[in-house]
N, C-alpha and C. Protein backbone atom coordinates (compact mmCIF):
# COMPACT_ATOMS: atom_id res chain seq x y z
N MET A 1 93.73 254.80 -73.97
CA MET A 1 92.24 253.96 -74.81
C MET A 1 91.28 255.15 -74.62
N LYS A 2 91.03 255.85 -73.51
CA LYS A 2 89.43 256.30 -73.21
C LYS A 2 90.42 257.53 -74.03
N GLU A 3 91.00 258.48 -73.92
CA GLU A 3 91.25 259.28 -74.04
C GLU A 3 91.90 259.07 -76.22
N PHE A 4 92.24 258.41 -76.71
CA PHE A 4 92.15 257.22 -78.13
C PHE A 4 90.27 257.72 -78.31
N ASN A 5 89.77 257.24 -77.84
CA ASN A 5 88.17 256.79 -78.06
C ASN A 5 87.85 257.98 -78.43
N SER A 6 87.78 259.01 -77.14
CA SER A 6 87.29 260.67 -77.41
C SER A 6 87.92 261.35 -78.27
N LYS A 7 89.56 260.96 -78.67
CA LYS A 7 88.99 261.67 -80.16
C LYS A 7 88.78 261.96 -80.60
N PRO A 8 88.15 263.03 -81.73
CA PRO A 8 87.59 262.73 -82.86
C PRO A 8 87.84 262.39 -83.85
N PHE A 9 86.84 261.95 -85.02
CA PHE A 9 87.78 261.71 -86.13
C PHE A 9 87.56 262.12 -87.12
N GLN A 10 88.60 262.61 -88.42
CA GLN A 10 89.29 263.02 -89.32
C GLN A 10 88.37 263.63 -90.31
N LYS A 11 87.69 263.01 -90.54
CA LYS A 11 86.57 263.45 -91.87
C LYS A 11 85.50 263.24 -91.22
N LYS A 12 84.81 263.04 -90.12
CA LYS A 12 83.43 262.90 -90.34
C LYS A 12 83.34 262.71 -89.20
N GLU A 13 82.18 263.61 -88.16
CA GLU A 13 81.45 264.33 -86.71
C GLU A 13 81.45 263.16 -85.53
N GLY A 14 82.00 263.49 -84.87
CA GLY A 14 81.85 262.73 -84.14
C GLY A 14 83.54 261.66 -83.64
N SER A 15 83.24 260.97 -82.08
CA SER A 15 84.43 260.28 -82.03
C SER A 15 83.75 258.46 -81.78
N ARG A 16 85.22 257.48 -81.76
CA ARG A 16 84.69 256.44 -81.43
C ARG A 16 83.78 255.70 -80.39
N ILE A 17 83.45 256.99 -78.90
CA ILE A 17 82.67 256.64 -78.37
C ILE A 17 81.96 257.56 -78.19
N ASP A 18 81.08 258.60 -79.19
CA ASP A 18 80.04 258.82 -79.49
C ASP A 18 79.52 257.98 -80.18
N LEU A 19 80.28 257.27 -81.38
CA LEU A 19 80.01 255.91 -82.53
C LEU A 19 79.38 254.85 -81.87
N PHE A 20 79.78 254.59 -80.29
CA PHE A 20 79.36 253.58 -79.73
C PHE A 20 78.25 253.63 -78.87
N GLN A 21 78.17 254.71 -78.21
CA GLN A 21 77.24 255.19 -77.28
C GLN A 21 75.63 255.04 -78.31
N ASP A 22 75.74 255.98 -79.38
CA ASP A 22 74.89 255.78 -80.01
C ASP A 22 73.88 255.13 -81.09
N GLU A 23 75.01 254.15 -81.36
CA GLU A 23 74.65 253.12 -82.63
C GLU A 23 74.66 251.61 -81.43
N GLU A 24 76.10 251.52 -80.74
CA GLU A 24 75.90 249.85 -79.71
C GLU A 24 75.40 250.33 -78.81
N LEU A 25 75.37 250.79 -78.50
CA LEU A 25 75.20 250.75 -76.57
C LEU A 25 73.80 250.40 -76.83
N PRO A 26 73.08 251.09 -77.41
CA PRO A 26 71.56 250.35 -77.27
C PRO A 26 71.38 248.92 -77.49
N LEU A 27 72.38 248.55 -78.35
CA LEU A 27 72.15 246.89 -78.54
C LEU A 27 72.50 246.30 -77.91
N LEU A 28 73.07 245.94 -77.36
CA LEU A 28 74.05 245.24 -76.34
C LEU A 28 72.97 244.71 -75.56
N ALA A 29 72.81 243.65 -75.24
CA ALA A 29 72.45 242.55 -74.04
C ALA A 29 72.68 242.71 -72.68
N PRO A 30 72.28 242.86 -71.66
CA PRO A 30 72.51 242.92 -70.06
C PRO A 30 74.07 241.25 -70.15
N LEU A 31 74.75 241.56 -69.22
CA LEU A 31 75.44 240.66 -69.12
C LEU A 31 74.48 239.18 -68.00
N PRO A 32 74.97 238.33 -68.34
CA PRO A 32 74.62 237.35 -67.37
C PRO A 32 74.13 237.41 -66.34
N ALA A 33 73.57 236.86 -65.12
CA ALA A 33 73.76 236.95 -63.81
C ALA A 33 74.37 236.44 -62.88
N THR A 34 75.00 234.75 -63.37
CA THR A 34 76.27 234.42 -63.13
C THR A 34 77.20 234.13 -64.31
N PRO A 35 78.60 234.18 -63.63
CA PRO A 35 79.00 234.38 -64.44
C PRO A 35 79.34 232.61 -65.63
N TYR A 36 79.74 232.76 -67.01
CA TYR A 36 79.53 231.99 -67.75
C TYR A 36 80.40 229.64 -67.17
N GLU A 37 80.75 229.51 -67.13
CA GLU A 37 81.25 227.87 -66.93
C GLU A 37 81.64 227.16 -67.93
N MET A 38 83.19 227.08 -67.91
CA MET A 38 82.64 226.16 -69.06
C MET A 38 81.72 224.81 -69.08
N ALA A 39 81.62 224.16 -69.65
CA ALA A 39 80.61 223.02 -69.48
C ALA A 39 80.88 221.98 -70.78
N GLN A 40 81.16 220.35 -69.66
CA GLN A 40 81.25 218.93 -70.20
C GLN A 40 79.57 217.95 -70.84
N TRP A 41 79.56 218.17 -71.71
CA TRP A 41 78.79 217.40 -71.80
C TRP A 41 78.77 215.66 -72.61
N LYS A 42 78.29 214.84 -71.43
CA LYS A 42 78.18 213.67 -71.34
C LYS A 42 77.32 212.87 -72.13
N GLN A 43 76.95 211.53 -71.04
CA GLN A 43 75.62 210.63 -71.61
C GLN A 43 75.70 209.84 -71.22
N ALA A 44 74.20 209.20 -70.52
CA ALA A 44 74.32 208.00 -69.03
C ALA A 44 73.22 207.68 -69.25
N THR A 45 73.00 206.40 -68.90
CA THR A 45 71.71 205.28 -68.68
C THR A 45 70.96 205.84 -67.30
N VAL A 46 70.13 205.94 -67.59
CA VAL A 46 69.48 205.45 -66.06
C VAL A 46 69.32 204.73 -65.16
N GLN A 47 69.92 203.85 -64.34
CA GLN A 47 70.06 202.97 -62.92
C GLN A 47 68.33 202.24 -63.03
N PHE A 48 68.65 201.39 -62.66
CA PHE A 48 66.98 200.60 -62.18
C PHE A 48 67.18 201.44 -60.99
N ASN A 49 68.33 201.40 -60.00
CA ASN A 49 67.51 202.54 -59.02
C ASN A 49 67.33 204.48 -58.97
N TYR A 50 67.31 204.18 -60.03
CA TYR A 50 67.21 206.06 -60.81
C TYR A 50 67.85 206.63 -60.26
N HIS A 51 69.43 206.12 -60.64
CA HIS A 51 69.65 207.18 -60.39
C HIS A 51 71.64 207.70 -61.66
N ILE A 52 72.53 208.05 -61.84
CA ILE A 52 72.65 207.99 -62.97
C ILE A 52 74.13 208.20 -62.28
N SER A 53 75.76 207.45 -62.79
CA SER A 53 76.38 207.56 -62.43
C SER A 53 77.63 208.46 -63.59
N VAL A 54 78.38 209.54 -63.10
CA VAL A 54 78.61 210.73 -63.34
C VAL A 54 80.45 210.71 -62.59
N GLU A 55 81.45 210.84 -63.46
CA GLU A 55 82.87 210.58 -62.50
C GLU A 55 82.91 210.47 -61.46
N GLY A 56 82.29 208.79 -60.88
CA GLY A 56 81.98 207.80 -59.50
C GLY A 56 80.87 208.21 -58.75
N MET A 57 80.44 209.23 -58.76
CA MET A 57 78.82 209.22 -58.45
C MET A 57 78.03 209.53 -58.88
N LEU A 58 76.53 209.04 -58.23
CA LEU A 58 75.53 208.52 -58.37
C LEU A 58 74.90 209.90 -58.48
N TYR A 59 73.67 210.50 -59.02
CA TYR A 59 73.09 211.67 -59.35
C TYR A 59 71.15 211.21 -59.49
N SER A 60 69.76 210.93 -58.74
CA SER A 60 68.98 210.69 -59.20
C SER A 60 68.37 211.52 -60.30
N VAL A 61 67.57 211.18 -61.03
CA VAL A 61 66.43 211.21 -61.89
C VAL A 61 65.17 210.22 -61.72
N PRO A 62 64.21 210.64 -61.71
CA PRO A 62 63.24 210.53 -61.88
C PRO A 62 62.51 209.04 -62.52
N HIS A 63 61.40 208.20 -61.50
CA HIS A 63 62.32 207.34 -61.76
C HIS A 63 60.85 206.58 -63.05
N GLU A 64 60.44 207.24 -63.25
CA GLU A 64 59.80 206.92 -64.84
C GLU A 64 61.09 207.32 -65.38
N TYR A 65 62.02 207.86 -66.02
CA TYR A 65 62.86 207.58 -66.82
C TYR A 65 63.77 206.62 -67.07
N ILE A 66 63.73 205.32 -65.78
CA ILE A 66 64.49 204.64 -66.04
C ILE A 66 64.47 203.36 -66.67
N ARG A 67 66.17 203.17 -67.44
CA ARG A 67 66.85 202.97 -68.89
C ARG A 67 66.58 203.72 -69.98
N ARG A 68 66.43 205.06 -69.72
CA ARG A 68 66.48 205.41 -71.01
C ARG A 68 68.21 206.45 -71.28
N LYS A 69 67.56 206.42 -72.19
CA LYS A 69 69.94 207.66 -71.84
C LYS A 69 69.51 209.21 -71.97
N VAL A 70 70.00 209.54 -71.64
CA VAL A 70 70.05 211.07 -71.27
C VAL A 70 71.51 211.47 -71.61
N ASP A 71 70.99 212.98 -71.86
CA ASP A 71 72.26 213.82 -72.20
C ASP A 71 72.23 214.50 -70.51
N VAL A 72 74.04 215.13 -69.95
CA VAL A 72 74.18 215.57 -69.06
C VAL A 72 75.69 216.48 -68.92
N ARG A 73 74.75 217.11 -68.74
CA ARG A 73 75.64 218.26 -68.55
C ARG A 73 76.78 218.86 -67.48
N VAL A 74 77.99 218.88 -67.61
CA VAL A 74 78.36 218.97 -66.60
C VAL A 74 79.61 220.65 -66.04
N THR A 75 79.78 221.10 -65.21
CA THR A 75 80.17 222.28 -64.95
C THR A 75 81.00 221.95 -63.45
N ALA A 76 81.44 223.41 -62.69
CA ALA A 76 82.44 222.64 -61.30
C ALA A 76 81.34 223.04 -61.01
N LYS A 77 79.98 223.37 -60.90
CA LYS A 77 79.64 223.92 -59.64
C LYS A 77 78.10 222.29 -59.79
N VAL A 78 77.68 221.97 -60.88
CA VAL A 78 76.15 222.05 -61.25
C VAL A 78 76.05 220.50 -62.37
N ILE A 79 75.60 219.60 -61.32
CA ILE A 79 74.62 218.65 -62.50
C ILE A 79 73.89 218.29 -62.97
N GLU A 80 73.20 218.71 -64.56
CA GLU A 80 72.41 219.14 -65.28
C GLU A 80 71.86 217.48 -66.14
N VAL A 81 71.11 216.90 -65.64
CA VAL A 81 70.21 216.61 -66.73
C VAL A 81 69.37 216.24 -67.72
N PHE A 82 69.35 216.01 -69.26
CA PHE A 82 68.35 216.01 -70.40
C PHE A 82 67.54 215.31 -70.32
N LEU A 83 66.99 215.26 -71.11
CA LEU A 83 65.79 213.48 -71.91
C LEU A 83 64.99 214.71 -72.94
N ASN A 84 65.15 214.68 -74.33
CA ASN A 84 64.72 215.90 -75.61
C ASN A 84 65.11 216.13 -75.49
N GLN A 85 66.19 217.86 -75.02
CA GLN A 85 66.32 219.20 -74.40
C GLN A 85 65.38 219.32 -74.21
N ASN A 86 64.61 218.43 -72.68
CA ASN A 86 64.36 219.20 -71.57
C ASN A 86 65.36 218.78 -69.97
N ARG A 87 65.28 220.36 -69.28
CA ARG A 87 65.65 219.27 -68.79
C ARG A 87 64.94 219.20 -66.88
N ILE A 88 65.44 217.03 -67.21
CA ILE A 88 64.73 216.68 -65.95
C ILE A 88 64.66 216.40 -64.60
N ALA A 89 66.38 217.20 -64.10
CA ALA A 89 66.93 217.05 -62.24
C ALA A 89 68.43 218.31 -63.13
N SER A 90 68.56 218.01 -61.57
CA SER A 90 69.58 219.10 -61.85
C SER A 90 70.37 219.16 -60.17
N HIS A 91 71.78 219.20 -59.85
CA HIS A 91 72.19 218.58 -58.78
C HIS A 91 73.85 219.54 -58.39
N PRO A 92 73.58 219.58 -57.40
CA PRO A 92 75.07 220.05 -57.60
C PRO A 92 75.50 219.21 -57.50
N HIS A 93 77.04 218.88 -58.01
CA HIS A 93 78.93 218.71 -58.30
C HIS A 93 79.12 218.24 -57.37
N LEU A 94 79.30 216.56 -57.24
CA LEU A 94 79.89 216.34 -55.76
C LEU A 94 81.21 216.50 -56.00
N TYR A 95 81.87 216.25 -54.38
CA TYR A 95 83.28 215.86 -54.83
C TYR A 95 83.71 215.25 -53.26
N GLY A 96 84.89 214.81 -53.85
CA GLY A 96 85.28 213.82 -52.37
C GLY A 96 84.99 212.34 -53.25
N ARG A 97 85.00 211.18 -51.88
CA ARG A 97 85.04 209.64 -52.35
C ARG A 97 83.77 209.62 -52.99
N LYS A 98 84.23 208.81 -53.52
CA LYS A 98 83.52 208.19 -55.09
C LYS A 98 82.36 207.74 -54.00
N GLY A 99 81.39 207.33 -55.29
CA GLY A 99 80.54 206.43 -55.07
C GLY A 99 79.14 207.40 -54.24
N GLN A 100 79.53 208.34 -53.51
CA GLN A 100 78.17 209.50 -53.07
C GLN A 100 77.15 209.59 -53.43
N TYR A 101 75.77 209.99 -53.10
CA TYR A 101 74.22 210.26 -53.52
C TYR A 101 74.09 211.32 -53.73
N SER A 102 73.51 211.70 -54.30
CA SER A 102 72.17 212.90 -54.76
C SER A 102 71.47 212.66 -54.86
N THR A 103 70.01 212.52 -54.23
CA THR A 103 69.08 212.05 -53.97
C THR A 103 68.10 212.81 -53.91
N ILE A 104 67.46 213.29 -54.80
CA ILE A 104 65.63 214.02 -54.94
C ILE A 104 64.60 213.30 -53.84
N VAL A 105 64.16 213.27 -52.90
CA VAL A 105 63.06 212.90 -52.95
C VAL A 105 61.94 212.56 -53.94
N GLU A 106 61.65 213.32 -54.69
CA GLU A 106 60.48 213.31 -55.26
C GLU A 106 60.89 212.55 -56.98
N HIS A 107 61.90 212.02 -56.92
CA HIS A 107 61.91 211.41 -58.01
C HIS A 107 62.40 209.55 -57.44
N MET A 108 62.08 209.36 -56.09
CA MET A 108 61.72 208.69 -55.48
C MET A 108 60.88 207.63 -55.63
N PRO A 109 60.31 206.29 -56.54
CA PRO A 109 58.72 205.91 -55.50
C PRO A 109 58.70 206.37 -55.04
N ALA A 110 56.57 205.94 -55.08
CA ALA A 110 55.82 206.20 -54.23
C ALA A 110 56.26 205.23 -52.78
N ASP A 111 56.27 204.08 -52.94
CA ASP A 111 56.99 203.44 -52.02
C ASP A 111 58.09 203.11 -51.35
N HIS A 112 59.14 203.94 -51.46
CA HIS A 112 60.40 204.04 -50.91
C HIS A 112 60.23 205.24 -50.72
N GLN A 113 59.70 206.82 -50.40
CA GLN A 113 59.05 207.81 -50.37
C GLN A 113 58.48 207.23 -48.79
N ALA A 114 57.80 206.17 -48.79
CA ALA A 114 56.90 205.57 -47.89
C ALA A 114 57.73 205.19 -46.42
N TYR A 115 59.09 205.06 -46.99
CA TYR A 115 60.28 205.37 -45.94
C TYR A 115 60.51 206.02 -45.27
N LEU A 116 60.57 207.68 -45.75
CA LEU A 116 61.51 208.57 -45.75
C LEU A 116 62.57 208.31 -44.25
N GLU A 117 60.69 208.44 -42.67
CA GLU A 117 61.05 208.61 -42.35
C GLU A 117 61.49 207.36 -40.96
N TRP A 118 62.40 206.56 -42.39
CA TRP A 118 63.02 205.38 -41.52
C TRP A 118 64.35 205.87 -42.34
N ASN A 119 65.48 204.88 -41.53
CA ASN A 119 66.65 204.89 -41.56
C ASN A 119 67.48 203.95 -41.12
N GLY A 120 68.25 203.29 -41.67
CA GLY A 120 69.76 202.83 -40.81
C GLY A 120 69.51 202.77 -40.17
N ASP A 121 69.76 203.41 -38.75
CA ASP A 121 69.61 202.53 -37.35
C ASP A 121 68.37 202.55 -36.79
N ARG A 122 67.34 203.34 -37.24
CA ARG A 122 66.37 202.86 -36.59
C ARG A 122 65.98 201.52 -36.71
N PHE A 123 65.75 200.85 -38.13
CA PHE A 123 65.67 199.33 -38.44
C PHE A 123 67.09 198.52 -37.89
N ARG A 124 68.19 199.13 -37.70
CA ARG A 124 69.34 198.56 -36.34
C ARG A 124 68.71 197.63 -35.57
N ALA A 125 68.78 199.28 -34.18
CA ALA A 125 68.14 199.90 -33.48
C ALA A 125 66.60 198.24 -32.88
N TRP A 126 65.75 197.99 -34.24
CA TRP A 126 64.25 197.75 -34.00
C TRP A 126 64.92 195.82 -34.07
N ALA A 127 66.37 195.46 -34.50
CA ALA A 127 66.87 194.42 -34.32
C ALA A 127 67.16 194.06 -33.61
N LYS A 128 68.40 195.05 -33.39
CA LYS A 128 68.82 194.20 -31.76
C LYS A 128 68.07 194.18 -30.11
N LYS A 129 66.43 194.82 -30.64
CA LYS A 129 66.24 193.98 -29.45
C LYS A 129 65.62 192.50 -29.14
N ILE A 130 65.81 192.05 -30.84
CA ILE A 130 64.89 191.14 -31.06
C ILE A 130 66.59 189.58 -30.60
N GLY A 131 67.38 190.26 -31.49
CA GLY A 131 68.45 189.28 -31.05
C GLY A 131 69.58 189.99 -31.74
N PRO A 132 70.61 189.27 -31.40
CA PRO A 132 72.24 189.39 -31.79
C PRO A 132 72.15 189.04 -34.37
N SER A 133 71.53 187.84 -33.84
CA SER A 133 71.79 187.04 -35.36
C SER A 133 70.95 188.50 -35.89
N THR A 134 69.79 188.63 -35.43
CA THR A 134 68.33 189.83 -36.25
C THR A 134 69.31 191.00 -36.69
N HIS A 135 70.26 190.86 -35.62
CA HIS A 135 70.79 192.79 -35.82
C HIS A 135 72.07 192.09 -37.15
N GLN A 136 72.41 191.28 -37.36
CA GLN A 136 73.46 191.00 -37.97
C GLN A 136 72.84 191.06 -39.58
N VAL A 137 72.23 190.14 -39.60
CA VAL A 137 71.11 190.36 -41.26
C VAL A 137 70.50 191.70 -40.70
N ILE A 138 69.93 192.70 -40.32
CA ILE A 138 69.42 193.95 -41.37
C ILE A 138 71.20 194.35 -41.68
N ASN A 139 72.62 194.48 -41.11
CA ASN A 139 73.23 195.01 -41.16
C ASN A 139 73.51 194.04 -42.98
N SER A 140 73.40 193.14 -42.61
CA SER A 140 73.48 192.61 -44.20
C SER A 140 73.32 192.94 -45.21
N ILE A 141 71.44 193.32 -44.95
CA ILE A 141 70.42 193.61 -46.19
C ILE A 141 71.33 195.16 -45.78
N LEU A 142 71.23 195.96 -45.91
CA LEU A 142 71.50 197.31 -45.97
C LEU A 142 72.53 197.82 -46.41
N PRO A 143 73.28 197.36 -46.91
CA PRO A 143 74.24 197.70 -47.29
C PRO A 143 74.15 197.29 -48.71
N SER A 144 73.09 196.31 -49.35
CA SER A 144 73.17 194.95 -49.99
C SER A 144 72.57 195.90 -51.98
N LYS A 145 72.51 197.35 -51.48
CA LYS A 145 71.60 198.06 -52.88
C LYS A 145 72.26 199.41 -52.44
N ARG A 146 72.57 200.05 -53.94
CA ARG A 146 73.21 201.26 -53.97
C ARG A 146 72.76 202.50 -53.50
N VAL A 147 71.23 202.62 -52.81
CA VAL A 147 70.61 203.22 -52.43
C VAL A 147 70.25 202.78 -51.38
N GLU A 148 70.79 202.84 -50.28
CA GLU A 148 70.08 202.32 -48.55
C GLU A 148 68.11 201.78 -48.53
N GLN A 149 67.71 202.96 -49.43
CA GLN A 149 66.28 203.85 -49.08
C GLN A 149 65.82 202.15 -50.39
N GLN A 150 65.61 201.36 -50.99
CA GLN A 150 65.75 200.89 -52.00
C GLN A 150 65.61 199.30 -50.76
N THR A 151 66.74 199.34 -49.28
CA THR A 151 66.86 197.92 -48.92
C THR A 151 65.58 198.23 -47.58
N TYR A 152 64.46 199.59 -47.95
CA TYR A 152 64.11 199.51 -46.68
C TYR A 152 62.66 198.73 -46.68
N ARG A 153 61.99 198.45 -47.51
CA ARG A 153 61.23 197.69 -47.54
C ARG A 153 61.24 195.62 -46.95
N ALA A 154 62.10 195.38 -47.59
CA ALA A 154 62.96 193.55 -46.49
C ALA A 154 63.50 194.13 -45.68
N CYS A 155 64.01 195.03 -44.97
CA CYS A 155 63.96 195.71 -43.69
C CYS A 155 62.77 195.02 -42.93
N MET A 156 61.81 196.37 -43.22
CA MET A 156 60.69 196.11 -42.77
C MET A 156 60.04 194.78 -42.97
N GLY A 157 59.64 194.49 -43.83
CA GLY A 157 58.74 192.93 -43.95
C GLY A 157 59.84 191.88 -42.60
N LEU A 158 61.26 192.27 -43.14
CA LEU A 158 62.03 190.68 -42.18
C LEU A 158 61.76 191.26 -40.77
N LEU A 159 61.59 191.99 -40.55
CA LEU A 159 61.46 193.04 -38.82
C LEU A 159 59.50 192.05 -38.09
N LYS A 160 59.26 192.64 -39.51
CA LYS A 160 57.35 192.15 -38.81
C LYS A 160 56.93 191.24 -39.24
N LEU A 161 58.11 189.64 -40.24
CA LEU A 161 57.62 188.49 -39.33
C LEU A 161 57.69 188.05 -37.89
N VAL A 162 57.82 188.77 -36.72
CA VAL A 162 57.85 188.80 -35.30
C VAL A 162 55.89 188.92 -35.40
N ASP A 163 55.11 189.60 -36.00
CA ASP A 163 53.78 189.68 -35.80
C ASP A 163 53.19 188.24 -36.64
N LYS A 164 54.08 186.90 -37.92
CA LYS A 164 53.34 186.40 -37.84
C LYS A 164 54.11 185.07 -36.44
N HIS A 165 55.49 185.76 -36.31
CA HIS A 165 56.06 183.82 -35.44
C HIS A 165 56.69 184.41 -34.66
N SER A 166 57.18 184.60 -33.75
CA SER A 166 57.56 184.87 -32.17
C SER A 166 58.65 185.62 -32.23
N PRO A 167 59.42 186.35 -31.95
CA PRO A 167 61.08 187.22 -31.65
C PRO A 167 61.69 186.00 -31.45
N GLU A 168 61.22 184.98 -30.64
CA GLU A 168 62.59 183.58 -30.72
C GLU A 168 62.08 183.37 -31.77
N SER A 169 61.60 183.03 -32.73
CA SER A 169 61.60 181.95 -33.73
C SER A 169 62.26 182.94 -34.66
N LEU A 170 61.94 183.73 -34.99
CA LEU A 170 62.83 184.88 -35.96
C LEU A 170 64.62 185.13 -36.10
N GLU A 171 64.14 184.98 -34.47
CA GLU A 171 66.57 185.24 -34.19
C GLU A 171 66.93 183.92 -34.64
N ALA A 172 65.95 183.02 -33.95
CA ALA A 172 66.59 181.31 -34.85
C ALA A 172 66.44 180.96 -35.99
N ALA A 173 65.10 181.15 -36.60
CA ALA A 173 65.68 181.65 -38.05
C ALA A 173 66.89 182.33 -39.05
N SER A 174 67.06 183.78 -38.13
CA SER A 174 68.47 184.46 -38.35
C SER A 174 69.58 183.47 -38.41
N GLU A 175 69.61 183.47 -36.85
CA GLU A 175 71.04 183.15 -37.01
C GLU A 175 71.37 181.25 -37.83
N LYS A 176 69.96 180.51 -38.29
CA LYS A 176 70.35 179.38 -39.04
C LYS A 176 71.09 179.65 -40.61
N ALA A 177 70.24 180.61 -40.77
CA ALA A 177 70.59 181.85 -42.27
C ALA A 177 72.15 182.32 -42.44
N LEU A 178 72.09 182.73 -41.35
CA LEU A 178 73.88 183.29 -40.88
C LEU A 178 75.33 182.22 -41.00
N THR A 179 74.45 181.26 -40.23
CA THR A 179 75.70 180.02 -41.20
C THR A 179 75.54 179.50 -42.78
N PHE A 180 74.91 180.18 -43.28
CA PHE A 180 74.74 179.05 -44.91
C PHE A 180 74.91 179.97 -45.60
N THR A 181 75.54 181.34 -44.99
CA THR A 181 76.22 182.82 -45.77
C THR A 181 75.83 184.59 -45.31
N ALA A 182 76.63 184.38 -44.77
CA ALA A 182 77.51 186.06 -44.26
C ALA A 182 76.38 186.94 -44.06
N SER A 183 76.05 186.99 -45.63
CA SER A 183 74.26 187.92 -45.98
C SER A 183 73.36 187.77 -46.40
N PRO A 184 72.77 187.52 -45.68
CA PRO A 184 71.78 186.29 -45.43
C PRO A 184 70.17 187.53 -46.21
N SER A 185 69.21 186.79 -46.83
CA SER A 185 68.18 187.89 -47.55
C SER A 185 67.38 187.88 -46.63
N TYR A 186 66.38 188.89 -47.10
CA TYR A 186 64.71 188.93 -46.17
C TYR A 186 64.30 187.42 -46.93
N LYS A 187 64.20 186.83 -47.88
CA LYS A 187 63.70 185.14 -48.66
C LYS A 187 64.56 184.42 -47.92
N SER A 188 65.28 184.48 -48.06
CA SER A 188 66.29 183.66 -47.18
C SER A 188 65.72 183.07 -45.96
N VAL A 189 65.49 184.06 -44.92
CA VAL A 189 64.82 184.11 -43.81
C VAL A 189 63.52 183.23 -43.29
N THR A 190 62.74 183.34 -44.47
CA THR A 190 61.31 183.71 -45.08
C THR A 190 61.38 182.20 -44.92
N ASN A 191 62.84 181.41 -45.89
CA ASN A 191 61.83 179.93 -46.23
C ASN A 191 62.01 178.83 -44.39
N ILE A 192 63.60 179.81 -44.19
CA ILE A 192 63.78 179.20 -43.20
C ILE A 192 62.75 178.67 -42.42
N LEU A 193 62.20 180.19 -41.28
CA LEU A 193 60.67 180.29 -41.03
C LEU A 193 60.39 179.44 -41.42
N LYS A 194 59.77 179.37 -42.76
CA LYS A 194 58.86 178.25 -42.59
C LYS A 194 59.27 176.61 -43.22
N ALA A 195 60.25 176.39 -42.90
CA ALA A 195 60.25 175.31 -42.95
C ALA A 195 60.52 174.41 -41.15
N MET A 196 60.76 175.54 -41.24
CA MET A 196 60.56 175.53 -38.99
C MET A 196 59.05 175.17 -38.49
N LYS A 197 58.49 175.93 -39.72
CA LYS A 197 56.61 175.66 -38.87
C LYS A 197 56.21 174.86 -40.01
N ASP A 198 56.47 174.25 -40.71
CA ASP A 198 56.49 172.80 -40.91
C ASP A 198 57.28 171.95 -40.88
N LYS A 199 58.24 172.04 -39.58
CA LYS A 199 58.93 171.05 -38.92
C LYS A 199 57.44 170.73 -37.90
N GLN A 200 58.27 171.76 -37.63
CA GLN A 200 57.50 172.32 -35.84
C GLN A 200 55.81 171.27 -36.01
N GLN A 201 54.99 171.56 -37.44
CA GLN A 201 53.44 170.76 -38.23
C GLN A 201 53.84 169.30 -37.52
N ASN A 202 54.25 169.06 -38.44
CA ASN A 202 55.16 167.60 -38.62
C ASN A 202 55.19 166.63 -38.08
N GLU A 203 55.92 167.23 -36.26
CA GLU A 203 55.84 166.74 -36.04
C GLU A 203 55.02 166.31 -34.87
N GLY A 204 54.30 167.65 -34.62
CA GLY A 204 52.86 167.40 -34.44
C GLY A 204 52.07 166.60 -34.78
N LYS A 205 52.15 166.22 -36.00
CA LYS A 205 51.01 165.25 -36.59
C LYS A 205 51.51 164.13 -36.04
N LEU A 206 53.19 163.79 -36.52
CA LEU A 206 53.26 161.98 -35.19
C LEU A 206 53.03 161.94 -34.20
N GLN A 207 53.37 162.85 -33.36
CA GLN A 207 52.76 162.87 -32.09
C GLN A 207 51.44 162.24 -31.99
N GLN A 208 50.11 163.25 -32.33
CA GLN A 208 48.92 162.75 -32.25
C GLN A 208 48.81 161.21 -33.27
N THR A 209 49.39 161.44 -34.01
CA THR A 209 49.39 159.80 -34.27
C THR A 209 49.72 158.64 -34.21
N THR A 210 51.19 158.83 -33.60
CA THR A 210 51.62 158.35 -31.93
C THR A 210 50.79 157.61 -31.09
N ARG A 211 49.90 158.82 -30.40
CA ARG A 211 49.07 158.61 -29.44
C ARG A 211 47.96 157.99 -29.87
N ASN A 212 47.76 158.19 -30.99
CA ASN A 212 46.51 157.60 -32.20
C ASN A 212 46.47 155.98 -32.01
N GLU A 213 47.36 155.07 -32.08
CA GLU A 213 48.03 154.26 -32.10
C GLU A 213 47.98 153.52 -30.62
N HIS A 214 48.57 153.98 -29.93
CA HIS A 214 48.90 153.76 -29.25
C HIS A 214 47.24 153.63 -28.16
N GLY A 215 46.40 154.58 -28.40
CA GLY A 215 45.08 154.57 -28.28
C GLY A 215 44.31 153.19 -28.77
N ILE A 216 44.12 152.60 -29.82
CA ILE A 216 44.01 151.73 -31.15
C ILE A 216 44.00 150.39 -30.49
N THR A 217 46.18 150.61 -29.92
CA THR A 217 46.72 149.47 -29.42
C THR A 217 46.16 148.71 -28.25
N ARG A 218 45.86 149.47 -27.11
CA ARG A 218 45.81 149.92 -25.42
C ARG A 218 44.72 150.77 -25.33
N GLY A 219 43.14 149.74 -25.96
CA GLY A 219 41.98 150.72 -25.82
C GLY A 219 41.50 149.34 -24.81
N ALA A 220 40.59 149.53 -24.48
CA ALA A 220 39.17 148.24 -24.13
C ALA A 220 39.50 147.56 -25.06
N GLY A 221 38.81 146.86 -26.27
CA GLY A 221 38.74 146.16 -26.73
C GLY A 221 39.91 145.19 -26.35
N TYR A 222 40.90 145.86 -26.34
CA TYR A 222 42.22 145.09 -26.39
C TYR A 222 42.13 143.93 -24.70
N TYR A 223 42.37 144.64 -24.24
CA TYR A 223 42.01 143.93 -22.82
C TYR A 223 41.05 143.16 -22.61
N ARG A 224 39.82 142.91 -23.09
CA ARG A 224 38.58 142.30 -23.33
C ARG A 224 39.53 140.94 -23.67
N ARG A 225 39.72 141.50 -24.66
CA ARG A 225 40.77 140.28 -25.74
C ARG A 225 40.89 139.00 -24.57
């Protein structure tokens, strides 16, 4: 091929290689920095947990785009998300077990970012100090959302109930909640705690009323009759 391209033309000056170097080579653009990758385009809707689902994997998108339809460019290495032809997210392409998450911190709402220093193990360890039933409730709350961070507010709220109630009360409420369902929620435990507190207050009022009635019945005036 090299010899053929260097062979002089029969009816004009130069050769094919001369023509290429003089006229075509100056017009060529440099090769891309990375090899070309075949891509597939898909559409997805940003879910309420600010992730999209692609081939069974979950990829985060800035939370302000929740419920928006987006275009997704899928290659062997990268998942890119576009809205109105503008790229709004990019992730490495996940492989293996279905249901894996790729979450970028900046995509999370501010209230979710506030719990970044926390993780499931820390909440479990805290709950275990309160009691086995509280620990079991936390274990049921943590996997209740597709993104674990979305449960951290409920976990924190539940464990902070010891500031208003005693650890013993929270443990008792958790134990009672587990008799109704294997997966109690933060709300169900707080409702039980409220009911327990109301019951204690009502019993206290009843005891006070009974004492007052006895005082009237057996007071000094009674014995003067």
